[in-house]
Protein backbone atom coordinates (compact mmCIF):
# COMPACT_ATOMS: atom_id res chain seq x y z
CA UNK A 1 -0.04 0.10 -0.03
CA UNK A 2 1.26 3.67 -0.92
CA UNK A 3 1.94 6.10 1.66
CA UNK A 4 -0.84 8.33 0.00
CA UNK A 5 -3.43 5.73 0.18
CA UNK A 6 -2.49 4.64 3.96
CA UNK A 7 -2.43 8.42 5.16
CA UNK A 8 -5.87 9.03 3.36
CA UNK A 9 -7.49 5.89 4.99
CA UNK A 10 -6.01 7.11 8.33
CA UNK A 11 -7.56 10.51 7.45
CA UNK A 12 -11.11 8.71 6.77
CA UNK A 13 -11.12 7.02 10.26
CA UNK A 14 -9.87 9.73 12.65
CA UNK A 15 -11.99 12.66 10.92
CA UNK A 16 -13.29 14.45 13.88
CA UNK A 17 -17.18 15.03 14.19
CA UNK A 18 -19.17 17.96 14.96
CA UNK A 19 -21.25 17.96 18.23
CA UNK A 20 -24.85 16.32 17.82
CA UNK A 21 -27.90 18.67 18.26
CA UNK A 22 -31.65 18.23 18.50
CA UNK A 23 -31.91 18.78 14.65
CA UNK A 24 -29.31 16.87 12.57
CA UNK A 25 -28.84 17.77 9.08
CA UNK A 26 -28.02 15.10 6.53
CA UNK A 27 -24.39 14.31 6.46
CA UNK A 28 -22.66 16.28 3.62
CA UNK A 29 -19.21 14.31 2.61
CA UNK A 30 -18.43 16.62 0.11
CA UNK A 31 -16.55 18.79 2.72
CA UNK A 32 -14.37 16.27 4.84
CA UNK A 33 -10.94 16.18 5.28
CA UNK A 34 -10.39 12.94 3.26
CA UNK A 35 -12.71 14.50 0.46
CA UNK A 36 -10.54 17.78 0.58
CA UNK A 37 -7.49 16.25 0.54
CA UNK A 38 -8.43 13.88 -2.52
CA UNK A 39 -9.64 17.20 -4.51
CA UNK A 40 -6.30 19.22 -3.83
CA UNK A 41 -4.21 16.18 -4.83
CA UNK A 42 -6.16 15.43 -7.80
CA UNK A 43 -6.32 19.15 -8.74
CA UNK A 44 -3.09 18.98 -10.60
CA UNK A 45 -2.30 22.38 -9.35
CA UNK A 46 1.01 24.28 -9.39
CA UNK A 47 1.37 23.72 -5.63
CA UNK A 48 0.74 19.89 -6.49
CA UNK A 49 3.17 19.73 -9.11
CA UNK A 50 5.72 21.83 -7.16
CA UNK A 51 5.42 19.44 -4.18
CA UNK A 52 5.89 16.39 -6.41
CA UNK A 53 8.81 17.72 -8.08
CA UNK A 54 10.13 18.45 -4.72
CA UNK A 55 9.66 15.20 -3.37
CA UNK A 56 11.22 13.81 -6.70
CA UNK A 57 14.43 16.04 -6.31
CA UNK A 58 14.68 14.64 -2.41
CA UNK A 59 14.81 11.06 -3.92
CA UNK A 60 17.12 12.01 -6.57
CA UNK A 61 19.46 13.39 -4.17
CA UNK A 62 19.38 10.21 -2.35
CA UNK A 63 19.72 8.34 -5.49
CA UNK A 64 15.95 6.81 -5.42
CA UNK A 65 14.81 8.21 -8.44
CA UNK A 66 12.55 6.12 -10.58
CA UNK A 67 11.96 3.75 -7.81
CA UNK A 68 8.92 2.98 -5.43
CA UNK A 69 10.79 4.90 -2.50
CA UNK A 70 11.15 7.99 -5.05
CA UNK A 71 7.37 7.92 -5.96
CA UNK A 72 6.25 7.73 -2.25
CA UNK A 73 8.50 10.68 -1.41
CA UNK A 74 6.81 12.45 -4.18
CA UNK A 75 3.52 11.49 -2.85
CA UNK A 76 4.35 12.35 0.77
CA UNK A 77 5.80 15.77 -0.29
CA UNK A 78 2.36 16.41 -2.18
CA UNK A 79 0.45 15.24 0.92
CA UNK A 80 2.35 17.49 3.24
CA UNK A 81 1.81 20.43 1.07
CA UNK A 82 -2.02 19.51 0.97
CA UNK A 83 -2.73 18.68 4.40
CA UNK A 84 -3.05 22.21 5.61
CA UNK A 85 -4.91 23.54 3.04
CA UNK A 86 -7.65 21.04 3.42
CA UNK A 87 -7.50 21.15 7.14
CA UNK A 88 -8.41 24.79 6.92
CA UNK A 89 -11.09 24.06 4.02
CA UNK A 90 -12.90 21.44 6.34
CA UNK A 91 -12.73 23.72 9.28
CA UNK A 92 -14.07 26.66 7.37
CA UNK A 93 -16.90 24.19 5.99
CA UNK A 94 -17.73 23.03 9.39
CA UNK A 95 -18.01 26.56 11.04
CA UNK A 96 -20.27 27.62 8.03
CA UNK A 97 -22.43 24.34 8.76
CA UNK A 98 -22.60 25.30 12.74
CA UNK A 99 -23.49 29.13 12.06
CA UNK A 100 -26.49 28.18 9.71
CA UNK A 101 -27.68 25.63 12.13
CA UNK A 102 -27.70 27.97 14.76
CA UNK A 103 -29.38 30.56 12.77
CA UNK A 104 -32.29 28.02 12.21
CA UNK A 105 -32.64 26.97 15.63
CA UNK A 106 -32.84 30.83 16.79
CA UNK A 107 -35.41 31.33 14.30
CA UNK A 108 -37.64 28.32 15.30
CA UNK A 109 -37.13 29.13 19.08
CA UNK A 110 -38.34 32.94 18.42
CA UNK A 111 -41.62 31.59 16.48
CA UNK A 112 -42.45 29.55 19.45
CA UNK A 113 -42.10 32.17 22.16
CA UNK A 114 -44.05 34.82 19.68
CA UNK A 115 -46.98 32.08 19.32
CA UNK A 116 -46.93 31.68 22.98
CA UNK A 117 -47.11 35.36 23.73
CA UNK A 118 -50.00 35.94 21.12
CA UNK A 119 -51.64 33.26 22.73
CA UNK A 120 -51.28 34.51 26.28
CA UNK A 121 -52.36 38.05 25.09
CA UNK A 122 -55.55 36.78 23.69
CA UNK A 123 -56.62 34.65 26.71
CA UNK A 124 -55.96 37.44 28.90
CA UNK A 125 -57.98 39.79 26.69
CA UNK A 126 -61.13 37.03 26.60
CA UNK A 127 -60.73 36.91 30.46
CA UNK A 128 -61.14 40.78 30.81
CA UNK A 129 -64.03 40.89 28.25
CA UNK A 130 -65.67 38.14 30.38
CA UNK A 131 -64.94 39.75 33.72
CA UNK A 132 -66.63 42.89 32.58
CA UNK A 133 -69.67 41.41 30.92
CA UNK A 134 -70.16 39.71 34.49
CA UNK A 135 -69.63 43.25 36.50
CA UNK A 136 -71.62 44.93 34.55
CA UNK A 137 -74.65 42.24 34.72
CA UNK A 138 -74.22 42.09 38.62
CA UNK A 139 -74.41 45.93 38.75
CA UNK A 140 -77.62 45.95 36.98
CA UNK A 141 -79.07 43.13 39.02
CA UNK A 142 -78.00 44.93 42.09
CA UNK A 143 -79.45 48.06 41.15
CA UNK A 144 -82.72 46.43 39.76
CA UNK A 145 -83.15 44.65 43.31
CA UNK A 146 -82.43 47.75 45.54
CA UNK A 147 -84.82 49.60 43.71
CA UNK A 148 -87.46 47.26 43.68
CA UNK A 149 -87.01 46.59 47.37
CA UNK A 150 -87.38 50.45 48.18
CA UNK A 151 -90.14 50.73 45.92
CA UNK A 152 -92.03 47.94 47.72
CA UNK A 153 -91.15 49.53 50.97
CA UNK A 154 -92.36 53.03 50.09
CA UNK A 155 -95.61 51.55 48.52
CA UNK A 156 -96.29 49.54 52.07
CA UNK A 157 -95.60 52.48 54.09
CA UNK A 158 -97.93 54.81 52.07
CA UNK A 159 -100.46 52.27 51.97
CA UNK A 160 -100.44 51.68 55.86
CA UNK A 161 -100.79 55.49 56.28
CA UNK A 162 -103.36 55.79 54.05
CA UNK A 163 -105.34 52.82 56.06
CA UNK A 164 -104.78 54.52 59.31
CA UNK A 165 -105.94 57.98 58.13
CA UNK A 166 -109.21 56.04 56.56
CA UNK A 167 -109.80 54.43 60.12
CA UNK A 168 -109.59 57.61 62.15
CA UNK A 169 -111.55 59.35 59.80
CA UNK A 170 -114.29 56.80 60.27
CA UNK A 171 -113.74 56.62 63.90
CA UNK A 172 -113.78 60.21 64.05
CA UNK A 173 -117.32 60.46 62.43
CA UNK A 174 -118.77 57.40 64.33
CA UNK A 175 -117.82 59.47 67.61
CA UNK A 176 -119.09 62.83 66.33
CA UNK A 177 -122.32 61.11 65.66
CA UNK A 178 -122.42 59.90 69.02
CA UNK A 179 -121.89 62.97 70.52
CA UNK A 180 -124.20 64.81 68.42
CA UNK A 181 -126.87 62.33 68.94
CA UNK A 182 -126.17 62.23 72.96
CA UNK A 183 -126.11 66.06 72.99
CA UNK A 184 -129.23 66.43 70.98
CA UNK A 185 -131.15 63.84 73.39
CA UNK A 186 -130.11 65.65 76.17
CA UNK A 187 -131.16 68.83 74.58
CA UNK A 188 -134.51 67.49 73.74
CA UNK A 189 -135.03 66.34 77.17
CA UNK A 190 -134.22 69.64 78.79
CA UNK A 191 -136.35 71.28 75.83
CA UNK A 192 -139.25 69.22 76.65
CA UNK A 193 -138.42 69.74 80.37
CA UNK A 194 -138.02 73.69 80.44
CA UNK A 195 -140.90 75.92 79.05
CA UNK A 196 -140.70 78.10 76.46
CA UNK A 197 -138.91 80.67 78.20
CA UNK A 198 -136.26 78.30 77.76
CA UNK A 199 -136.59 77.93 74.14
CA UNK A 200 -134.70 81.44 73.49
CA UNK A 201 -131.66 80.14 75.70
CA UNK A 202 -131.83 76.80 74.10
CA UNK A 203 -131.49 78.26 70.65
CA UNK A 204 -128.86 80.58 71.88
CA UNK A 205 -126.97 77.76 73.44
CA UNK A 206 -127.59 75.47 70.38
CA UNK A 207 -125.85 78.14 68.12
CA UNK A 208 -123.01 78.57 70.64
CA UNK A 209 -122.68 74.87 70.59
CA UNK A 210 -122.79 74.35 66.93
CA UNK A 211 -120.05 77.08 66.41
CA UNK A 212 -118.13 75.81 69.03
CA UNK A 213 -118.02 72.27 67.24
CA UNK A 214 -117.53 73.90 64.15
CA UNK A 215 -114.19 75.31 65.66
CA UNK A 216 -113.13 72.29 67.35
CA UNK A 217 -113.66 70.43 64.22
CA UNK A 218 -111.81 73.33 62.18
CA UNK A 219 -108.93 73.20 64.42
CA UNK A 220 -108.76 69.33 65.06
CA UNK A 221 -108.81 68.90 61.18
CA UNK A 222 -106.17 71.80 60.81
CA UNK A 223 -103.82 69.82 63.33
CA UNK A 224 -104.51 66.83 61.59
CA UNK A 225 -103.47 68.22 58.14
CA UNK A 226 -100.67 70.04 59.65
CA UNK A 227 -99.32 66.78 61.10
CA UNK A 228 -99.99 64.94 58.17
CA UNK A 229 -98.28 67.19 55.56
CA UNK A 230 -95.40 67.23 57.92
CA UNK A 231 -95.12 63.76 58.11
CA UNK A 232 -95.47 63.39 54.52
CA UNK A 233 -92.57 66.38 53.64
CA UNK A 234 -90.29 64.54 56.42
CA UNK A 235 -90.64 61.14 54.47
CA UNK A 236 -89.88 62.82 50.95
CA UNK A 237 -87.05 64.64 52.61
CA UNK A 238 -85.51 60.98 53.85
CA UNK A 239 -86.44 59.32 50.53
CA UNK A 240 -84.44 62.12 48.61
CA UNK A 241 -81.65 62.03 51.20
CA UNK A 242 -81.53 58.21 50.80
CA UNK A 243 -81.92 58.36 46.88
CA UNK A 244 -78.77 61.19 47.02
CA UNK A 245 -76.74 58.69 49.03
CA UNK A 246 -77.25 55.46 46.90
CA UNK A 247 -76.19 57.41 43.81
CA UNK A 248 -73.35 58.96 45.51
CA UNK A 249 -72.40 55.29 46.88
CA UNK A 250 -72.90 53.84 43.50
CA UNK A 251 -70.90 56.49 41.88
CA UNK A 252 -68.03 55.86 44.46
CA UNK A 253 -68.10 52.19 44.04
CA UNK A 254 -67.98 52.25 40.04
CA UNK A 255 -65.02 54.96 40.30
CA UNK A 256 -63.07 52.58 42.67
CA UNK A 257 -63.62 49.26 40.76
CA UNK A 258 -62.70 51.31 37.49
CA UNK A 259 -59.79 52.47 39.24
CA UNK A 260 -58.42 49.07 40.34
CA UNK A 261 -59.13 47.44 36.98
CA UNK A 262 -57.02 50.52 35.18
CA UNK A 263 -54.12 49.66 37.73
CA UNK A 264 -54.15 46.24 37.16
CA UNK A 265 -54.45 46.97 33.31
CA UNK A 266 -51.73 49.37 33.39
CA UNK A 267 -49.36 47.10 35.64
CA UNK A 268 -49.85 44.19 33.29
CA UNK A 269 -48.93 46.23 30.52
CA UNK A 270 -45.88 47.78 31.97
CA UNK A 271 -44.82 44.17 32.89
CA UNK A 272 -45.40 42.79 29.61
CA UNK A 273 -43.49 45.81 27.88
CA UNK A 274 -40.41 45.27 30.23
CA UNK A 275 -40.28 41.62 29.29
CA UNK A 276 -40.18 42.36 25.87
CA UNK A 277 -37.41 44.84 26.55
CA UNK A 278 -35.30 42.75 27.99
CA UNK A 279 -35.70 39.82 25.72
CA UNK A 280 -34.93 42.33 22.88
CA UNK A 281 -31.55 43.34 24.50
CA UNK A 282 -30.64 39.52 25.30
CA UNK A 283 -31.24 38.81 21.72
CA UNK A 284 -29.16 41.92 20.35
CA UNK A 285 -26.44 40.67 23.00
CA UNK A 286 -26.45 37.16 21.42
CA UNK A 287 -26.26 38.13 18.00
CA UNK A 288 -23.47 40.97 18.74
CA UNK A 289 -21.38 38.13 20.73
CA UNK A 290 -22.09 35.51 17.52
CA UNK A 291 -21.16 38.28 15.04
CA UNK A 292 -17.57 38.85 17.00
CA UNK A 293 -16.88 35.33 17.35
CA UNK A 294 -17.60 34.70 13.79
CA UNK A 295 -15.64 37.92 12.94
CA UNK A 296 -12.66 36.56 15.02
CA UNK A 297 -12.76 33.31 13.14
CA UNK A 298 -12.61 34.62 9.83
CA UNK A 299 -9.59 37.22 10.75
CA UNK A 300 -7.64 34.41 12.41
CA UNK A 301 -8.30 32.27 9.34
CA UNK A 302 -7.26 34.95 6.94
CA UNK A 303 -4.02 35.84 8.76
CA UNK A 304 -3.04 31.91 9.07
CA UNK A 305 -4.12 31.49 5.52
CA UNK A 306 -1.56 34.46 4.54
CA UNK A 307 1.27 32.83 6.69
CA UNK A 308 0.50 29.66 4.40
CA UNK A 309 0.83 31.87 1.29
CA UNK A 310 3.96 33.40 2.39
CA UNK A 311 5.85 29.96 3.53
CA UNK A 312 4.57 28.60 0.14
CA UNK A 313 6.11 31.49 -1.57
CA UNK A 314 9.37 31.28 0.10
CA UNK A 315 9.41 27.23 -0.65
CA UNK A 316 8.67 28.07 -4.41
CA UNK A 317 11.39 30.91 -4.86
CA UNK A 318 13.88 28.34 -3.14
CA UNK A 319 12.61 25.69 -5.54
CA UNK A 320 13.24 27.94 -8.49
CA UNK A 321 16.90 28.96 -7.11
CA UNK A 322 17.70 25.26 -6.80
CA UNK A 323 16.53 24.44 -10.11
CA UNK A 324 18.38 27.41 -11.49
CA UNK A 325 21.64 26.12 -10.00
CA UNK A 326 21.16 22.68 -11.08
CA UNK A 327 20.52 23.50 -14.51
CA UNK A 328 23.70 26.00 -14.63
CA UNK A 329 26.09 23.96 -16.68
CA UNK A 330 28.71 26.57 -16.18
CA UNK A 331 28.85 26.00 -12.79
CA UNK A 332 31.14 23.33 -11.02
CA UNK A 333 29.42 20.77 -8.24
CA UNK A 334 31.41 22.12 -5.67
CA UNK A 335 30.08 25.67 -6.49
CA UNK A 336 26.56 24.40 -7.13
CA UNK A 337 26.67 22.74 -3.39
CA UNK A 338 27.68 26.00 -2.18
CA UNK A 339 25.19 27.74 -3.34
CA UNK A 340 22.49 25.10 -2.91
CA UNK A 341 23.78 25.35 1.06
CA UNK A 342 23.67 29.22 0.75
CA UNK A 343 20.09 29.22 -0.60
CA UNK A 344 19.07 26.94 2.12
CA UNK A 345 20.41 28.91 4.89
CA UNK A 346 18.41 31.91 3.39
CA UNK A 347 15.54 29.90 3.01
CA UNK A 348 15.77 28.74 6.50
CA UNK A 349 16.12 32.40 7.59
CA UNK A 350 13.22 33.93 5.80
CA UNK A 351 11.16 30.61 7.37
CA UNK A 352 12.26 31.41 10.65
CA UNK A 353 11.45 35.17 10.34
CA UNK A 354 8.08 34.53 8.84
CA UNK A 355 7.25 31.92 11.57
CA UNK A 356 8.32 34.51 14.34
CA UNK A 357 6.70 37.11 12.48
CA UNK A 358 3.16 35.55 12.21
CA UNK A 359 3.30 34.23 16.10
CA UNK A 360 3.87 37.73 16.72
CA UNK A 361 0.63 39.18 14.97
CA UNK A 362 -2.47 38.64 17.57
CA UNK A 363 -5.29 37.90 14.80
CA UNK A 364 -3.60 34.55 14.72
CA UNK A 365 -5.14 33.40 17.75
CA UNK A 366 -9.16 33.10 18.21
CA UNK A 367 -11.02 35.79 20.35
CA UNK A 368 -8.03 38.23 19.61
CA UNK A 369 -10.21 41.29 19.84
CA UNK A 370 -12.77 42.57 22.46
CA UNK A 371 -15.52 44.69 21.30
CA UNK A 372 -15.90 47.96 21.96
CA UNK A 373 -12.31 48.05 22.87
CA UNK A 374 -11.09 46.96 19.49
CA UNK A 375 -7.47 48.52 19.06
CA UNK A 376 -5.10 48.11 16.24
CA UNK A 377 -3.21 45.03 16.36
CA UNK A 378 0.69 45.56 17.38
CA UNK A 379 3.27 43.05 16.19
CA UNK A 380 6.43 42.11 18.00
CA UNK A 381 9.41 40.08 16.73
CA UNK A 382 12.28 38.64 18.73
């Protein structure tokens, strides 16, 4: 088995999997480590050709050209060049899938919350309307019941007073008739007993009695009328005072009930508005945090990609210079070796400087910035 085949099989076995969540999308094998490595190896790009040429030159320097070991060296060089790029592509694809999945889950959760909030608001509104209808019906029933009882009591009292008045008038008429009869009987007896001389006195006396009776009847009837009028006026005053008190009490109760309902409604509205504002701030903070994490990852990936490009450029320049030295027929072998050694030292020096330079850049690390205190990255080379 070739080195390329064995390493590809090992990558397929050790490929890390993304953490599972409640809703797992269909597996996409187009962005796995193995597929990315295979695509880069099969692309016949300048990088792959240069890596293969580098492996062949290493095998040639060791006297292994046109052998299995030489072919494996070329494949190993191609694989070494393809691995960093494939790893970065796999990581980018995984990050993009995770971001899309997170956005879908956030949208579903927000939709559920909105539905629950709308349902709760509708239920509360229905309960409020039912409560208001019940209060209005209860108020109407109580007002009707109270007014009916007052009317019945007033009618009963008026009927009793009228009955007492009629009874008193009947008794007075009977008493007057009895008194008149008795007086008349005594007068008749005296008239029969006395002589004609007494007839004049009797007539005078009768006129005096009639006048006195009329005066007494008038005075008695006046006092009865005054008492009846005073009682009727007092009862009417009490009725008006009672009606005003009931009206004032009804207005006060209506005001107090409406005030309590308004306070409860305002308190509920304020609490719901506060919850909405808190929820919106939390969502804004989560979105900001996700955006900053994605920005950090993108900047870090771009910086690492630049470091790979610089390293590849240094390697390509070195390969081109080595090829120029090897193909120069006017140079001696000893001079070629010296030139190659100088080129290697120059390459190693550039690679070392580039490595220390890129390590000094803070954007090669995750979470390199902290918003809003985002300053210009500083570079330190030691």
